[in-house]
């Protein structure tokens, strides 16, 4: 009985693993650069289970992820609370606030 339950759990896990990737066909970027076709981890709400996050390994390339996992399983955000430097205008922007929204 235990062996049957274990085998069923393995099959379910393998089925979920097989559906965890998306194929991205080759395409041209707007600057004319060609991007070769590749596989990426399937989209979901988890950040830490992506192939680019340590210690996960991309099964197609064998490369280990290089990004640090987060404690809350969300993508890290980087913000500049006091505005930031705009290279296009070569000036500092003022902070933006969304009031009443």
N, C-alpha and C. Protein backbone atom coordinates (compact mmCIF):
# COMPACT_ATOMS: atom_id res chain seq x y z
N UNK A 1 0.83 -1.19 0.00
CA UNK A 1 0.00 0.00 0.00
C UNK A 1 0.87 1.26 0.00
N UNK A 2 1.91 1.26 0.84
CA UNK A 2 2.81 2.41 0.93
C UNK A 2 3.57 2.61 -0.38
N UNK A 3 3.98 1.51 -1.00
CA UNK A 3 4.69 1.61 -2.28
C UNK A 3 3.80 2.18 -3.36
N UNK A 4 2.53 1.81 -3.37
CA UNK A 4 1.59 2.33 -4.37
C UNK A 4 1.38 3.83 -4.19
N UNK A 5 1.22 4.28 -2.94
CA UNK A 5 1.04 5.70 -2.67
C UNK A 5 2.29 6.49 -3.06
N UNK A 6 3.46 5.93 -2.77
CA UNK A 6 4.71 6.58 -3.13
C UNK A 6 4.86 6.69 -4.65
N UNK A 7 4.53 5.62 -5.36
CA UNK A 7 4.62 5.63 -6.82
C UNK A 7 3.65 6.63 -7.41
N UNK A 8 2.43 6.73 -6.85
CA UNK A 8 1.45 7.70 -7.33
C UNK A 8 1.95 9.13 -7.11
N UNK A 9 2.58 9.37 -5.95
CA UNK A 9 3.11 10.70 -5.65
C UNK A 9 4.22 11.07 -6.62
N UNK A 10 5.06 10.11 -6.98
CA UNK A 10 6.14 10.36 -7.95
C UNK A 10 5.55 10.71 -9.31
N UNK A 11 4.55 9.99 -9.75
CA UNK A 11 3.93 10.27 -11.05
C UNK A 11 3.28 11.64 -11.09
N UNK A 12 2.63 12.03 -10.01
CA UNK A 12 2.03 13.36 -9.95
C UNK A 12 3.11 14.43 -10.00
N UNK A 13 4.20 14.24 -9.28
CA UNK A 13 5.30 15.21 -9.28
C UNK A 13 5.93 15.32 -10.66
N UNK A 14 6.12 14.20 -11.34
CA UNK A 14 6.70 14.24 -12.68
C UNK A 14 5.75 14.93 -13.66
N UNK A 15 4.47 14.70 -13.52
CA UNK A 15 3.50 15.38 -14.38
C UNK A 15 3.52 16.87 -14.18
N UNK A 16 3.62 17.31 -12.94
CA UNK A 16 3.70 18.75 -12.65
C UNK A 16 5.00 19.32 -13.19
N UNK A 17 6.08 18.56 -13.11
CA UNK A 17 7.38 19.02 -13.61
C UNK A 17 7.33 19.18 -15.13
N UNK A 18 6.66 18.28 -15.81
CA UNK A 18 6.60 18.34 -17.27
C UNK A 18 5.84 19.57 -17.74
N UNK A 19 4.87 20.02 -16.96
CA UNK A 19 4.08 21.20 -17.33
C UNK A 19 4.70 22.49 -16.83
N UNK A 20 5.86 22.43 -16.20
CA UNK A 20 6.46 23.60 -15.58
C UNK A 20 7.32 24.41 -16.51
N UNK A 21 7.28 24.15 -17.82
CA UNK A 21 8.11 24.92 -18.72
C UNK A 21 7.30 25.43 -19.91
N UNK A 22 7.76 26.54 -20.45
CA UNK A 22 7.14 27.14 -21.63
C UNK A 22 8.19 27.24 -22.73
N UNK A 23 7.79 26.93 -23.96
CA UNK A 23 8.68 27.07 -25.10
C UNK A 23 8.51 28.47 -25.67
N UNK A 24 9.62 29.16 -25.87
CA UNK A 24 9.60 30.49 -26.47
C UNK A 24 10.25 30.38 -27.84
N UNK A 25 9.48 30.61 -28.91
CA UNK A 25 10.06 30.48 -30.25
C UNK A 25 11.05 31.61 -30.54
N UNK A 26 11.92 31.38 -31.51
CA UNK A 26 12.87 32.40 -31.92
C UNK A 26 12.15 33.62 -32.46
N UNK A 27 12.72 34.79 -32.20
CA UNK A 27 12.09 36.03 -32.65
C UNK A 27 13.13 37.13 -32.77
N UNK A 28 12.74 38.21 -33.42
CA UNK A 28 13.61 39.37 -33.55
C UNK A 28 13.16 40.46 -32.58
N UNK A 29 14.11 41.06 -31.90
CA UNK A 29 13.81 42.19 -31.03
C UNK A 29 13.64 43.45 -31.88
N UNK A 30 13.13 44.49 -31.26
CA UNK A 30 12.89 45.74 -32.00
C UNK A 30 14.18 46.35 -32.53
N UNK A 31 15.33 46.02 -31.90
CA UNK A 31 16.61 46.57 -32.39
C UNK A 31 17.26 45.68 -33.45
N UNK A 32 16.54 44.61 -33.89
CA UNK A 32 17.04 43.76 -34.95
C UNK A 32 17.82 42.54 -34.49
N UNK A 33 18.05 42.39 -33.20
CA UNK A 33 18.78 41.25 -32.66
C UNK A 33 17.89 40.01 -32.68
N UNK A 34 18.42 38.89 -33.16
CA UNK A 34 17.66 37.64 -33.19
C UNK A 34 17.86 36.90 -31.87
N UNK A 35 16.78 36.45 -31.28
CA UNK A 35 16.82 35.66 -30.05
C UNK A 35 16.50 34.22 -30.43
N UNK A 36 17.41 33.30 -30.10
CA UNK A 36 17.20 31.89 -30.44
C UNK A 36 16.09 31.30 -29.56
N UNK A 37 15.41 30.25 -30.04
CA UNK A 37 14.35 29.63 -29.24
C UNK A 37 14.91 29.06 -27.93
N UNK A 38 14.10 29.07 -26.90
CA UNK A 38 14.54 28.55 -25.61
C UNK A 38 13.33 28.14 -24.77
N UNK A 39 13.59 27.44 -23.67
CA UNK A 39 12.57 27.08 -22.70
C UNK A 39 12.75 27.95 -21.47
N UNK A 40 11.64 28.33 -20.86
CA UNK A 40 11.69 29.05 -19.60
C UNK A 40 10.74 28.38 -18.62
N UNK A 41 10.97 28.61 -17.34
CA UNK A 41 10.09 28.01 -16.34
C UNK A 41 8.70 28.60 -16.48
N UNK A 42 7.70 27.78 -16.21
CA UNK A 42 6.32 28.21 -16.36
C UNK A 42 5.97 29.36 -15.44
N UNK A 43 5.04 30.20 -15.89
CA UNK A 43 4.63 31.35 -15.08
C UNK A 43 3.72 30.90 -13.96
N UNK A 44 3.95 31.44 -12.80
CA UNK A 44 3.09 31.24 -11.65
C UNK A 44 3.33 32.37 -10.68
N UNK A 45 2.80 32.27 -9.50
CA UNK A 45 2.95 33.37 -8.53
C UNK A 45 4.18 33.23 -7.66
N UNK A 46 4.95 32.16 -7.82
CA UNK A 46 6.13 31.94 -6.99
C UNK A 46 7.38 32.48 -7.68
N UNK A 47 8.21 33.17 -6.91
CA UNK A 47 9.48 33.67 -7.43
C UNK A 47 10.59 32.65 -7.21
N UNK A 48 10.57 31.98 -6.07
CA UNK A 48 11.68 31.11 -5.69
C UNK A 48 11.76 29.82 -6.48
N UNK A 49 10.70 29.44 -7.21
CA UNK A 49 10.78 28.17 -7.95
C UNK A 49 11.19 28.37 -9.40
N UNK A 50 11.59 29.56 -9.80
CA UNK A 50 12.07 29.80 -11.15
C UNK A 50 13.49 29.26 -11.32
N UNK A 51 13.83 28.89 -12.54
CA UNK A 51 15.14 28.29 -12.79
C UNK A 51 16.29 29.25 -12.57
N UNK A 52 16.04 30.54 -12.56
CA UNK A 52 17.11 31.51 -12.39
C UNK A 52 17.44 31.77 -10.92
N UNK A 53 16.67 31.19 -10.01
CA UNK A 53 16.88 31.40 -8.57
C UNK A 53 17.62 30.19 -7.99
N UNK A 54 18.67 30.47 -7.17
CA UNK A 54 19.41 29.40 -6.51
C UNK A 54 18.51 28.63 -5.57
N UNK A 55 18.66 27.38 -5.36
CA UNK A 55 19.57 26.40 -5.94
C UNK A 55 18.96 25.67 -7.13
N UNK A 56 17.90 26.20 -7.73
CA UNK A 56 17.23 25.53 -8.84
C UNK A 56 18.15 25.39 -10.04
N UNK A 57 17.93 24.33 -10.82
CA UNK A 57 18.75 24.04 -12.00
C UNK A 57 17.85 23.95 -13.21
N UNK A 58 18.24 24.61 -14.29
CA UNK A 58 17.51 24.54 -15.54
C UNK A 58 17.73 23.15 -16.14
N UNK A 59 16.67 22.35 -16.30
CA UNK A 59 16.86 20.98 -16.79
C UNK A 59 17.30 20.91 -18.24
N UNK A 60 17.13 21.98 -19.00
CA UNK A 60 17.51 21.97 -20.41
C UNK A 60 18.97 22.36 -20.62
N UNK A 61 19.51 23.22 -19.75
CA UNK A 61 20.90 23.65 -19.90
C UNK A 61 21.82 23.09 -18.83
N UNK A 62 21.26 22.65 -17.70
CA UNK A 62 22.07 22.14 -16.60
C UNK A 62 22.69 23.24 -15.76
N UNK A 63 22.35 24.51 -16.03
CA UNK A 63 22.93 25.63 -15.29
C UNK A 63 22.12 25.91 -14.03
N UNK A 64 22.84 26.17 -12.94
CA UNK A 64 22.18 26.53 -11.70
C UNK A 64 21.84 28.01 -11.71
N UNK A 65 20.71 28.37 -11.07
CA UNK A 65 20.30 29.76 -10.99
C UNK A 65 21.31 30.60 -10.25
N UNK A 66 21.35 31.90 -10.56
CA UNK A 66 22.32 32.78 -9.93
C UNK A 66 21.67 33.83 -9.03
N UNK A 67 20.35 33.96 -9.07
CA UNK A 67 19.67 34.95 -8.25
C UNK A 67 19.40 34.41 -6.85
N UNK A 68 19.41 35.28 -5.87
CA UNK A 68 19.16 34.88 -4.49
C UNK A 68 17.67 34.68 -4.25
N UNK A 69 17.31 33.64 -3.51
CA UNK A 69 15.90 33.46 -3.17
C UNK A 69 15.45 34.53 -2.18
N UNK A 70 14.17 34.80 -2.14
CA UNK A 70 13.64 35.80 -1.22
C UNK A 70 12.87 35.11 -0.10
N UNK A 71 12.78 35.73 1.04
CA UNK A 71 12.14 35.13 2.21
C UNK A 71 10.62 35.06 2.04
N UNK A 72 10.03 35.97 1.25
CA UNK A 72 8.57 36.01 1.11
C UNK A 72 8.09 35.44 -0.23
N UNK A 73 8.99 34.83 -0.99
CA UNK A 73 8.66 34.19 -2.27
C UNK A 73 8.10 35.18 -3.30
N UNK A 74 8.47 36.44 -3.20
CA UNK A 74 8.09 37.46 -4.18
C UNK A 74 9.35 38.02 -4.80
N UNK A 75 9.20 38.53 -6.02
CA UNK A 75 10.35 39.12 -6.70
C UNK A 75 10.83 40.35 -5.93
N UNK A 76 12.14 40.54 -5.84
CA UNK A 76 12.64 41.72 -5.14
C UNK A 76 12.28 42.99 -5.90
N UNK A 77 12.03 44.04 -5.15
CA UNK A 77 11.73 45.33 -5.78
C UNK A 77 12.81 46.32 -5.38
N UNK A 78 13.15 47.15 -6.30
CA UNK A 78 14.16 48.16 -6.05
C UNK A 78 13.51 49.50 -6.37
N UNK A 79 13.41 50.35 -5.39
CA UNK A 79 12.76 51.63 -5.62
C UNK A 79 13.68 52.76 -5.16
N UNK A 80 13.42 53.91 -5.69
CA UNK A 80 14.15 55.11 -5.30
C UNK A 80 13.13 56.09 -4.74
N UNK A 81 13.02 56.16 -3.43
CA UNK A 81 11.96 56.96 -2.84
C UNK A 81 12.08 58.46 -3.11
N UNK A 82 13.25 58.94 -3.46
CA UNK A 82 13.43 60.37 -3.69
C UNK A 82 13.67 60.69 -5.16
N UNK A 83 13.08 59.90 -6.05
CA UNK A 83 13.30 60.14 -7.47
C UNK A 83 14.57 59.44 -7.92
N UNK A 84 14.98 59.71 -9.11
CA UNK A 84 16.18 59.08 -9.63
C UNK A 84 16.75 59.86 -10.78
N UNK A 85 17.93 59.48 -11.20
CA UNK A 85 18.61 60.16 -12.29
C UNK A 85 18.06 59.68 -13.61
N UNK A 86 17.66 60.59 -14.47
CA UNK A 86 17.16 60.24 -15.80
C UNK A 86 18.26 60.51 -16.81
N UNK A 87 18.80 59.44 -17.38
CA UNK A 87 19.90 59.60 -18.33
C UNK A 87 19.44 60.31 -19.59
N UNK A 88 18.17 60.14 -19.98
CA UNK A 88 17.71 60.76 -21.22
C UNK A 88 17.69 62.28 -21.12
N UNK A 89 17.40 62.82 -19.94
CA UNK A 89 17.35 64.28 -19.79
C UNK A 89 18.55 64.80 -19.02
N UNK A 90 19.37 63.89 -18.53
CA UNK A 90 20.55 64.24 -17.72
C UNK A 90 20.17 65.14 -16.55
N UNK A 91 19.11 64.75 -15.87
CA UNK A 91 18.68 65.51 -14.71
C UNK A 91 18.05 64.55 -13.70
N UNK A 92 17.93 65.02 -12.50
CA UNK A 92 17.30 64.23 -11.45
C UNK A 92 15.81 64.49 -11.47
N UNK A 93 15.04 63.41 -11.34
CA UNK A 93 13.59 63.56 -11.31
C UNK A 93 13.13 63.77 -9.88
N UNK A 94 11.99 64.39 -9.74
CA UNK A 94 11.42 64.59 -8.41
C UNK A 94 10.62 63.34 -8.03
N UNK A 95 10.42 63.14 -6.75
CA UNK A 95 9.66 61.97 -6.35
C UNK A 95 8.22 62.05 -6.83
N UNK A 96 7.65 60.92 -7.13
CA UNK A 96 6.26 60.90 -7.55
C UNK A 96 5.44 60.23 -6.47
N UNK A 97 4.32 60.80 -6.17
CA UNK A 97 3.44 60.25 -5.16
C UNK A 97 2.08 60.04 -5.76
N UNK A 98 1.43 58.95 -5.39
CA UNK A 98 0.08 58.68 -5.84
C UNK A 98 -0.84 58.89 -4.65
N UNK A 99 -1.48 60.02 -4.60
CA UNK A 99 -2.35 60.34 -3.48
C UNK A 99 -3.79 60.01 -3.81
N UNK A 100 -4.47 59.40 -2.87
CA UNK A 100 -5.88 59.12 -3.02
C UNK A 100 -6.21 58.06 -4.04
N UNK A 101 -5.28 57.18 -4.36
CA UNK A 101 -5.54 56.13 -5.35
C UNK A 101 -5.31 54.79 -4.76
